[in-house]
Amino acid sequence: MDNLRLKWILGITLVLLLIPFIGTLISDQVNWGFFDFIIMGAMLIVLGLTINLVSIYVSRSKYKVLMITGSLACFLLLWAEMAVGIFGSFLAGS
């Protein structure tokens, strides 16, 4: 993998994690702990690496779109489950 792509993935992850960090500093409504940042950072990095690998190794654009959309859907479902518990699993948040 190209180092520039990895730097972009890590940079975008850090920028996205700055949003809840600033929200935690400014407001009492955002209540993220250290573990929350670690988990979300790992999830964002895995999503970025997955999208990168799909864009490199999948040649047909129809399959690229399908696999990236599926990856985003899985990410969003896992995020929603961990945040509010839409399915009521052991990962369910508040």
Protein backbone atom coordinates (compact mmCIF):
# COMPACT_ATOMS: atom_id res chain seq x y z
CA MET A 1 0.00 0.00 0.00
CA ASP A 2 1.13 3.48 -0.78
CA ASN A 3 2.31 5.50 2.25
CA LEU A 4 0.45 8.55 0.99
CA ARG A 5 -2.88 6.69 1.06
CA LEU A 6 -2.19 5.45 4.57
CA LYS A 7 -1.36 8.99 5.68
CA TRP A 8 -4.63 10.22 4.18
CA ILE A 9 -6.61 7.51 5.96
CA LEU A 10 -4.97 8.31 9.30
CA GLY A 11 -5.35 12.06 8.75
CA ILE A 12 -9.04 11.83 7.92
CA THR A 13 -9.55 9.58 10.94
CA LEU A 14 -7.89 12.12 13.22
CA VAL A 15 -9.93 14.98 11.77
CA LEU A 16 -13.17 13.04 12.23
CA LEU A 17 -12.21 12.19 15.82
CA LEU A 18 -11.57 15.87 16.53
CA ILE A 19 -15.30 16.57 16.15
CA PRO A 20 -16.44 14.58 19.21
CA PHE A 21 -13.29 15.62 21.10
CA ILE A 22 -14.14 19.29 20.70
CA GLY A 23 -17.76 18.49 21.53
CA THR A 24 -16.62 16.78 24.73
CA LEU A 25 -14.62 19.85 25.71
CA ILE A 26 -17.36 22.36 24.93
CA SER A 27 -20.56 20.64 26.02
CA ASP A 28 -21.86 18.22 28.61
CA GLN A 29 -24.09 16.66 25.94
CA VAL A 30 -21.16 14.82 24.33
CA ASN A 31 -19.79 12.28 26.78
CA TRP A 32 -17.01 10.30 25.12
CA GLY A 33 -14.35 8.50 27.13
CA PHE A 34 -10.88 7.37 26.11
CA PHE A 35 -12.16 3.91 25.17
CA ASP A 36 -14.80 5.44 22.89
CA PHE A 37 -12.13 7.27 20.92
CA ILE A 38 -10.03 4.11 20.62
CA ILE A 39 -12.96 2.04 19.33
CA MET A 40 -14.18 4.67 16.86
CA GLY A 41 -10.62 5.31 15.64
CA ALA A 42 -10.14 1.60 15.01
CA MET A 43 -13.48 1.38 13.20
CA LEU A 44 -12.67 4.37 10.98
CA ILE A 45 -9.21 3.03 10.14
CA VAL A 46 -10.61 -0.40 9.25
CA LEU A 47 -13.28 1.26 7.08
CA GLY A 48 -10.66 3.39 5.33
CA LEU A 49 -8.37 0.43 4.72
CA THR A 50 -11.29 -1.65 3.44
CA ILE A 51 -12.32 1.06 0.97
CA ASN A 52 -8.70 1.42 -0.11
CA LEU A 53 -8.25 -2.31 -0.69
CA VAL A 54 -11.51 -2.56 -2.61
CA SER A 55 -10.55 0.38 -4.80
CA ILE A 56 -7.16 -1.22 -5.56
CA TYR A 57 -8.03 -4.89 -6.07
CA VAL A 58 -11.56 -4.87 -7.48
CA SER A 59 -11.53 -4.06 -11.17
CA ARG A 60 -15.21 -3.79 -12.13
CA SER A 61 -16.82 -0.55 -11.03
CA LYS A 62 -20.18 -2.17 -10.33
CA TYR A 63 -18.58 -4.49 -7.78
CA LYS A 64 -16.54 -1.65 -6.31
CA VAL A 65 -19.67 0.39 -5.64
CA LEU A 66 -21.46 -2.64 -4.20
CA MET A 67 -18.61 -3.60 -1.87
CA ILE A 68 -17.95 -0.05 -0.68
CA THR A 69 -21.67 0.49 -0.06
CA GLY A 70 -21.82 -2.77 1.90
CA SER A 71 -18.79 -1.76 3.96
CA LEU A 72 -20.35 1.62 4.75
CA ALA A 73 -23.65 -0.03 5.67
CA CYS A 74 -21.90 -2.45 8.04
CA PHE A 75 -19.95 0.42 9.59
CA LEU A 76 -23.10 2.50 10.12
CA LEU A 77 -25.06 -0.43 11.58
CA LEU A 78 -22.25 -1.27 14.00
CA TRP A 79 -21.90 2.40 14.96
CA ALA A 80 -25.65 2.73 15.60
CA GLU A 81 -25.70 -0.48 17.62
CA MET A 82 -22.80 0.64 19.78
CA ALA A 83 -24.31 4.11 20.25
CA VAL A 84 -27.95 3.41 21.04
CA GLY A 85 -28.53 -0.33 20.75
CA ILE A 86 -30.94 -0.67 17.83
CA PHE A 87 -30.79 -4.48 17.98
CA GLY A 88 -30.29 -4.92 21.72
CA SER A 89 -27.14 -7.03 21.43
CA PHE A 90 -24.28 -7.22 23.91
CA LEU A 91 -22.64 -4.30 22.07
CA ALA A 92 -25.62 -2.04 22.72
CA GLY A 93 -24.80 1.34 24.13
CA SER A 94 -26.90 3.60 26.28
